[in-house]
């Protein structure tokens, strides 16, 4: 897992959280949805990078 990808994914997750909160306060569903999408997308990308890293470290990837 490279540091730059990790930072990008964490930034996307934080951007989603920051966007989602004003949407909740103002009851703007579009803003909430956009924030939730960014947050979940960043989290999924982080999980995928962790899985890739686990396979690389063990050397036992799919054959």
PDB file of N, CA and C in Angstrom:
ATOM      1  N   UNK A   1       0.859  -1.171   0.000  1.00  0.00           N
ATOM      2  CA  UNK A   1       0.000   0.000   0.000  1.00  0.00           C
ATOM      3  C   UNK A   1       0.899   1.224   0.000  1.00  0.00           C
ATOM      4  N   UNK A   2       0.817   1.992  -1.055  1.00  0.00           N
ATOM      5  CA  UNK A   2       1.668   3.167  -1.127  1.00  0.00           C
ATOM      6  C   UNK A   2       1.090   4.298  -0.281  1.00  0.00           C
ATOM      7  N   UNK A   3       1.979   5.138   0.147  1.00  0.00           N
ATOM      8  CA  UNK A   3       1.580   6.232   1.026  1.00  0.00           C
ATOM      9  C   UNK A   3       0.682   7.220   0.288  1.00  0.00           C
ATOM     10  N   UNK A   4       0.999   7.483  -0.965  1.00  0.00           N
ATOM     11  CA  UNK A   4       0.195   8.458  -1.713  1.00  0.00           C
ATOM     12  C   UNK A   4      -1.244   7.974  -1.909  1.00  0.00           C
ATOM     13  N   UNK A   5      -1.419   6.685  -2.185  1.00  0.00           N
ATOM     14  CA  UNK A   5      -2.773   6.153  -2.347  1.00  0.00           C
ATOM     15  C   UNK A   5      -3.530   6.186  -1.023  1.00  0.00           C
ATOM     16  N   UNK A   6      -2.826   5.855   0.044  1.00  0.00           N
ATOM     17  CA  UNK A   6      -3.451   5.876   1.366  1.00  0.00           C
ATOM     18  C   UNK A   6      -3.931   7.278   1.703  1.00  0.00           C
ATOM     19  N   UNK A   7      -3.100   8.261   1.438  1.00  0.00           N
ATOM     20  CA  UNK A   7      -3.466   9.650   1.738  1.00  0.00           C
ATOM     21  C   UNK A   7      -4.644  10.088   0.873  1.00  0.00           C
ATOM     22  N   UNK A   8      -4.638   9.723  -0.403  1.00  0.00           N
ATOM     23  CA  UNK A   8      -5.753  10.071  -1.290  1.00  0.00           C
ATOM     24  C   UNK A   8      -7.063   9.468  -0.800  1.00  0.00           C
ATOM     25  N   UNK A   9      -7.002   8.187  -0.421  1.00  0.00           N
ATOM     26  CA  UNK A   9      -8.212   7.509   0.031  1.00  0.00           C
ATOM     27  C   UNK A   9      -8.721   8.093   1.345  1.00  0.00           C
ATOM     28  N   UNK A  10      -7.817   8.392   2.262  1.00  0.00           N
ATOM     29  CA  UNK A  10      -8.232   8.987   3.529  1.00  0.00           C
ATOM     30  C   UNK A  10      -8.776  10.389   3.318  1.00  0.00           C
ATOM     31  N   UNK A  11      -8.186  11.126   2.382  1.00  0.00           N
ATOM     32  CA  UNK A  11      -8.690  12.470   2.078  1.00  0.00           C
ATOM     33  C   UNK A  11     -10.094  12.397   1.487  1.00  0.00           C
ATOM     34  N   UNK A  12     -10.331  11.406   0.633  1.00  0.00           N
ATOM     35  CA  UNK A  12     -11.657  11.256   0.045  1.00  0.00           C
ATOM     36  C   UNK A  12     -12.686  10.901   1.119  1.00  0.00           C
ATOM     37  N   UNK A  13     -12.284  10.044   2.054  1.00  0.00           N
ATOM     38  CA  UNK A  13     -13.176   9.680   3.146  1.00  0.00           C
ATOM     39  C   UNK A  13     -13.507  10.898   4.000  1.00  0.00           C
ATOM     40  N   UNK A  14     -12.502  11.689   4.337  1.00  0.00           N
ATOM     41  CA  UNK A  14     -12.727  12.891   5.152  1.00  0.00           C
ATOM     42  C   UNK A  14     -13.577  13.913   4.397  1.00  0.00           C
ATOM     43  N   UNK A  15     -13.318  14.048   3.090  1.00  0.00           N
ATOM     44  CA  UNK A  15     -14.120  14.971   2.278  1.00  0.00           C
ATOM     45  C   UNK A  15     -15.585  14.550   2.316  1.00  0.00           C
ATOM     46  N   UNK A  16     -15.819  13.255   2.245  1.00  0.00           N
ATOM     47  CA  UNK A  16     -17.185  12.752   2.307  1.00  0.00           C
ATOM     48  C   UNK A  16     -17.846  13.067   3.633  1.00  0.00           C
ATOM     49  N   UNK A  17     -17.110  12.869   4.723  1.00  0.00           N
ATOM     50  CA  UNK A  17     -17.674  13.177   6.045  1.00  0.00           C
ATOM     51  C   UNK A  17     -17.963  14.662   6.191  1.00  0.00           C
ATOM     52  N   UNK A  18     -17.046  15.477   5.685  1.00  0.00           N
ATOM     53  CA  UNK A  18     -17.221  16.928   5.772  1.00  0.00           C
ATOM     54  C   UNK A  18     -18.408  17.377   4.914  1.00  0.00           C
ATOM     55  N   UNK A  19     -18.601  16.762   3.766  1.00  0.00           N
ATOM     56  CA  UNK A  19     -19.708  17.124   2.881  1.00  0.00           C
ATOM     57  C   UNK A  19     -21.041  16.616   3.421  1.00  0.00           C
ATOM     58  N   UNK A  20     -21.011  15.449   4.021  1.00  0.00           N
ATOM     59  CA  UNK A  20     -22.241  14.826   4.491  1.00  0.00           C
ATOM     60  C   UNK A  20     -22.867  15.592   5.661  1.00  0.00           C
ATOM     61  N   UNK A  21     -22.053  16.097   6.540  1.00  0.00           N
ATOM     62  CA  UNK A  21     -22.572  16.770   7.744  1.00  0.00           C
ATOM     63  C   UNK A  21     -23.402  18.017   7.426  1.00  0.00           C
ATOM     64  N   UNK A  22     -22.939  18.951   6.587  1.00  0.00           N
ATOM     65  CA  UNK A  22     -23.797  20.088   6.245  1.00  0.00           C
ATOM     66  C   UNK A  22     -25.087  19.650   5.546  1.00  0.00           C
ATOM     67  N   UNK A  23     -25.006  18.568   4.794  1.00  0.00           N
ATOM     68  CA  UNK A  23     -26.216  18.041   4.161  1.00  0.00           C
ATOM     69  C   UNK A  23     -27.227  17.594   5.195  1.00  0.00           C
ATOM     70  N   UNK A  24     -26.729  16.976   6.269  1.00  0.00           N
ATOM     71  CA  UNK A  24     -27.633  16.555   7.348  1.00  0.00           C
ATOM     72  C   UNK A  24     -28.250  17.755   8.046  1.00  0.00           C
ATOM     73  N   UNK A  25     -27.419  18.741   8.333  1.00  0.00           N
ATOM     74  CA  UNK A  25     -27.895  19.917   9.069  1.00  0.00           C
ATOM     75  C   UNK A  25     -28.947  20.673   8.264  1.00  0.00           C
ATOM     76  N   UNK A  26     -28.701  20.831   6.972  1.00  0.00           N
ATOM     77  CA  UNK A  26     -29.622  21.593   6.131  1.00  0.00           C
ATOM     78  C   UNK A  26     -30.702  20.721   5.502  1.00  0.00           C
ATOM     79  N   UNK A  27     -30.645  19.430   5.774  1.00  0.00           N
ATOM     80  CA  UNK A  27     -31.580  18.447   5.205  1.00  0.00           C
ATOM     81  C   UNK A  27     -31.557  18.437   3.683  1.00  0.00           C
ATOM     82  N   UNK A  28     -30.371  18.649   3.150  1.00  0.00           N
ATOM     83  CA  UNK A  28     -30.167  18.618   1.705  1.00  0.00           C
ATOM     84  C   UNK A  28     -29.750  17.195   1.329  1.00  0.00           C
ATOM     85  N   UNK A  29     -30.666  16.438   0.762  1.00  0.00           N
ATOM     86  CA  UNK A  29     -30.415  15.032   0.474  1.00  0.00           C
ATOM     87  C   UNK A  29     -29.335  14.830  -0.574  1.00  0.00           C
ATOM     88  N   UNK A  30     -29.263  15.725  -1.541  1.00  0.00           N
ATOM     89  CA  UNK A  30     -28.243  15.581  -2.582  1.00  0.00           C
ATOM     90  C   UNK A  30     -26.844  15.724  -1.986  1.00  0.00           C
ATOM     91  N   UNK A  31     -26.681  16.684  -1.087  1.00  0.00           N
ATOM     92  CA  UNK A  31     -25.397  16.886  -0.428  1.00  0.00           C
ATOM     93  C   UNK A  31     -25.054  15.703   0.474  1.00  0.00           C
ATOM     94  N   UNK A  32     -26.046  15.191   1.161  1.00  0.00           N
ATOM     95  CA  UNK A  32     -25.836  14.007   1.997  1.00  0.00           C
ATOM     96  C   UNK A  32     -25.384  12.822   1.143  1.00  0.00           C
ATOM     97  N   UNK A  33     -26.075  12.612   0.038  1.00  0.00           N
ATOM     98  CA  UNK A  33     -25.765  11.490  -0.844  1.00  0.00           C
ATOM     99  C   UNK A  33     -24.360  11.604  -1.409  1.00  0.00           C
ATOM    100  N   UNK A  34     -23.990  12.815  -1.831  1.00  0.00           N
ATOM    101  CA  UNK A  34     -22.656  13.029  -2.385  1.00  0.00           C
ATOM    102  C   UNK A  34     -21.589  12.743  -1.333  1.00  0.00           C
ATOM    103  N   UNK A  35     -21.828  13.210  -0.113  1.00  0.00           N
ATOM    104  CA  UNK A  35     -20.878  12.962   0.978  1.00  0.00           C
ATOM    105  C   UNK A  35     -20.787  11.492   1.321  1.00  0.00           C
ATOM    106  N   UNK A  36     -21.925  10.822   1.385  1.00  0.00           N
ATOM    107  CA  UNK A  36     -21.930   9.394   1.708  1.00  0.00           C
ATOM    108  C   UNK A  36     -21.193   8.604   0.629  1.00  0.00           C
ATOM    109  N   UNK A  37     -21.414   8.977  -0.627  1.00  0.00           N
ATOM    110  CA  UNK A  37     -20.745   8.295  -1.740  1.00  0.00           C
ATOM    111  C   UNK A  37     -19.235   8.453  -1.638  1.00  0.00           C
ATOM    112  N   UNK A  38     -18.768   9.667  -1.385  1.00  0.00           N
ATOM    113  CA  UNK A  38     -17.327   9.901  -1.235  1.00  0.00           C
ATOM    114  C   UNK A  38     -16.763   9.120  -0.057  1.00  0.00           C
ATOM    115  N   UNK A  39     -17.476   9.138   1.043  1.00  0.00           N
ATOM    116  CA  UNK A  39     -17.003   8.458   2.252  1.00  0.00           C
ATOM    117  C   UNK A  39     -16.876   6.957   2.027  1.00  0.00           C
ATOM    118  N   UNK A  40     -17.915   6.357   1.471  1.00  0.00           N
ATOM    119  CA  UNK A  40     -17.908   4.913   1.246  1.00  0.00           C
ATOM    120  C   UNK A  40     -16.878   4.529   0.190  1.00  0.00           C
ATOM    121  N   UNK A  41     -16.764   5.339  -0.842  1.00  0.00           N
ATOM    122  CA  UNK A  41     -15.802   5.065  -1.895  1.00  0.00           C
ATOM    123  C   UNK A  41     -14.378   5.076  -1.353  1.00  0.00           C
ATOM    124  N   UNK A  42     -14.068   6.065  -0.543  1.00  0.00           N
ATOM    125  CA  UNK A  42     -12.736   6.130   0.058  1.00  0.00           C
ATOM    126  C   UNK A  42     -12.466   4.951   0.966  1.00  0.00           C
ATOM    127  N   UNK A  43     -13.462   4.548   1.729  1.00  0.00           N
ATOM    128  CA  UNK A  43     -13.304   3.404   2.630  1.00  0.00           C
ATOM    129  C   UNK A  43     -13.081   2.110   1.852  1.00  0.00           C
ATOM    130  N   UNK A  44     -13.843   1.922   0.774  1.00  0.00           N
ATOM    131  CA  UNK A  44     -13.684   0.716  -0.034  1.00  0.00           C
ATOM    132  C   UNK A  44     -12.316   0.665  -0.706  1.00  0.00           C
ATOM    133  N   UNK A  45     -11.847   1.807  -1.169  1.00  0.00           N
ATOM    134  CA  UNK A  45     -10.527   1.845  -1.784  1.00  0.00           C
ATOM    135  C   UNK A  45      -9.450   1.503  -0.765  1.00  0.00           C
ATOM    136  N   UNK A  46      -9.601   1.995   0.468  1.00  0.00           N
ATOM    137  CA  UNK A  46      -8.639   1.661   1.514  1.00  0.00           C
ATOM    138  C   UNK A  46      -8.641   0.164   1.784  1.00  0.00           C
ATOM    139  N   UNK A  47      -9.808  -0.437   1.858  1.00  0.00           N
ATOM    140  CA  UNK A  47      -9.907  -1.875   2.115  1.00  0.00           C
ATOM    141  C   UNK A  47      -9.268  -2.674   0.977  1.00  0.00           C
ATOM    142  N   UNK A  48      -9.486  -2.251  -0.251  1.00  0.00           N
ATOM    143  CA  UNK A  48      -8.895  -2.942  -1.393  1.00  0.00           C
ATOM    144  C   UNK A  48      -7.374  -2.852  -1.349  1.00  0.00           C
ATOM    145  N   UNK A  49      -6.845  -1.697  -1.002  1.00  0.00           N
ATOM    146  CA  UNK A  49      -5.398  -1.535  -0.907  1.00  0.00           C
ATOM    147  C   UNK A  49      -4.821  -2.411   0.206  1.00  0.00           C
ATOM    148  N   UNK A  50      -5.533  -2.517   1.318  1.00  0.00           N
ATOM    149  CA  UNK A  50      -5.066  -3.380   2.409  1.00  0.00           C
ATOM    150  C   UNK A  50      -5.043  -4.840   1.969  1.00  0.00           C
ATOM    151  N   UNK A  51      -6.062  -5.255   1.243  1.00  0.00           N
ATOM    152  CA  UNK A  51      -6.114  -6.639   0.761  1.00  0.00           C
ATOM    153  C   UNK A  51      -4.975  -6.911  -0.221  1.00  0.00           C
ATOM    154  N   UNK A  52      -4.733  -5.962  -1.120  1.00  0.00           N
ATOM    155  CA  UNK A  52      -3.624  -6.122  -2.058  1.00  0.00           C
ATOM    156  C   UNK A  52      -2.306  -6.243  -1.313  1.00  0.00           C
ATOM    157  N   UNK A  53      -2.134  -5.403  -0.307  1.00  0.00           N
ATOM    158  CA  UNK A  53      -0.907  -5.440   0.481  1.00  0.00           C
ATOM    159  C   UNK A  53      -0.732  -6.756   1.213  1.00  0.00           C
ATOM    160  N   UNK A  54      -1.811  -7.326   1.705  1.00  0.00           N
ATOM    161  CA  UNK A  54      -1.734  -8.606   2.416  1.00  0.00           C
ATOM    162  C   UNK A  54      -1.287  -9.707   1.468  1.00  0.00           C
ATOM    163  N   UNK A  55      -1.789  -9.724   0.254  1.00  0.00           N
ATOM    164  CA  UNK A  55      -1.374 -10.739  -0.703  1.00  0.00           C
ATOM    165  C   UNK A  55       0.074 -10.549  -1.125  1.00  0.00           C
ATOM    166  N   UNK A  56       0.500  -9.317  -1.262  1.00  0.00           N
ATOM    167  CA  UNK A  56       1.883  -9.066  -1.659  1.00  0.00           C
ATOM    168  C   UNK A  56       2.857  -9.486  -0.571  1.00  0.00           C
ATOM    169  N   UNK A  57       2.531  -9.187   0.678  1.00  0.00           N
ATOM    170  CA  UNK A  57       3.431  -9.510   1.786  1.00  0.00           C
ATOM    171  C   UNK A  57       3.600 -11.012   1.960  1.00  0.00           C
ATOM    172  N   UNK A  58       2.510 -11.749   1.871  1.00  0.00           N
ATOM    173  CA  UNK A  58       2.577 -13.189   2.086  1.00  0.00           C
ATOM    174  C   UNK A  58       3.165 -13.930   0.888  1.00  0.00           C
ATOM    175  N   UNK A  59       3.061 -13.339  -0.266  1.00  0.00           N
ATOM    176  CA  UNK A  59       3.539 -14.007  -1.452  1.00  0.00           C
ATOM    177  C   UNK A  59       2.642 -15.152  -1.886  1.00  0.00           C
ATOM    178  N   UNK A  60       1.471 -15.240  -1.311  1.00  0.00           N
ATOM    179  CA  UNK A  60       0.564 -16.331  -1.657  1.00  0.00           C
ATOM    180  C   UNK A  60      -0.664 -15.780  -2.367  1.00  0.00           C
ATOM    181  N   UNK A  61      -0.437 -15.157  -3.495  1.00  0.00           N
ATOM    182  CA  UNK A  61      -1.547 -14.614  -4.262  1.00  0.00           C
ATOM    183  C   UNK A  61      -2.320 -15.716  -4.966  1.00  0.00           C
ATOM    184  N   UNK A  62      -3.395 -15.364  -5.621  1.00  0.00           N
ATOM    185  CA  UNK A  62      -4.174 -16.365  -6.350  1.00  0.00           C
ATOM    186  C   UNK A  62      -3.347 -16.974  -7.480  1.00  0.00           C
ATOM    187  N   UNK A  63      -3.505 -18.267  -7.686  1.00  0.00           N
ATOM    188  CA  UNK A  63      -2.695 -18.945  -8.716  1.00  0.00           C
ATOM    189  C   UNK A  63      -3.512 -19.384  -9.875  1.00  0.00           C
TER     190      UNK A  63
END
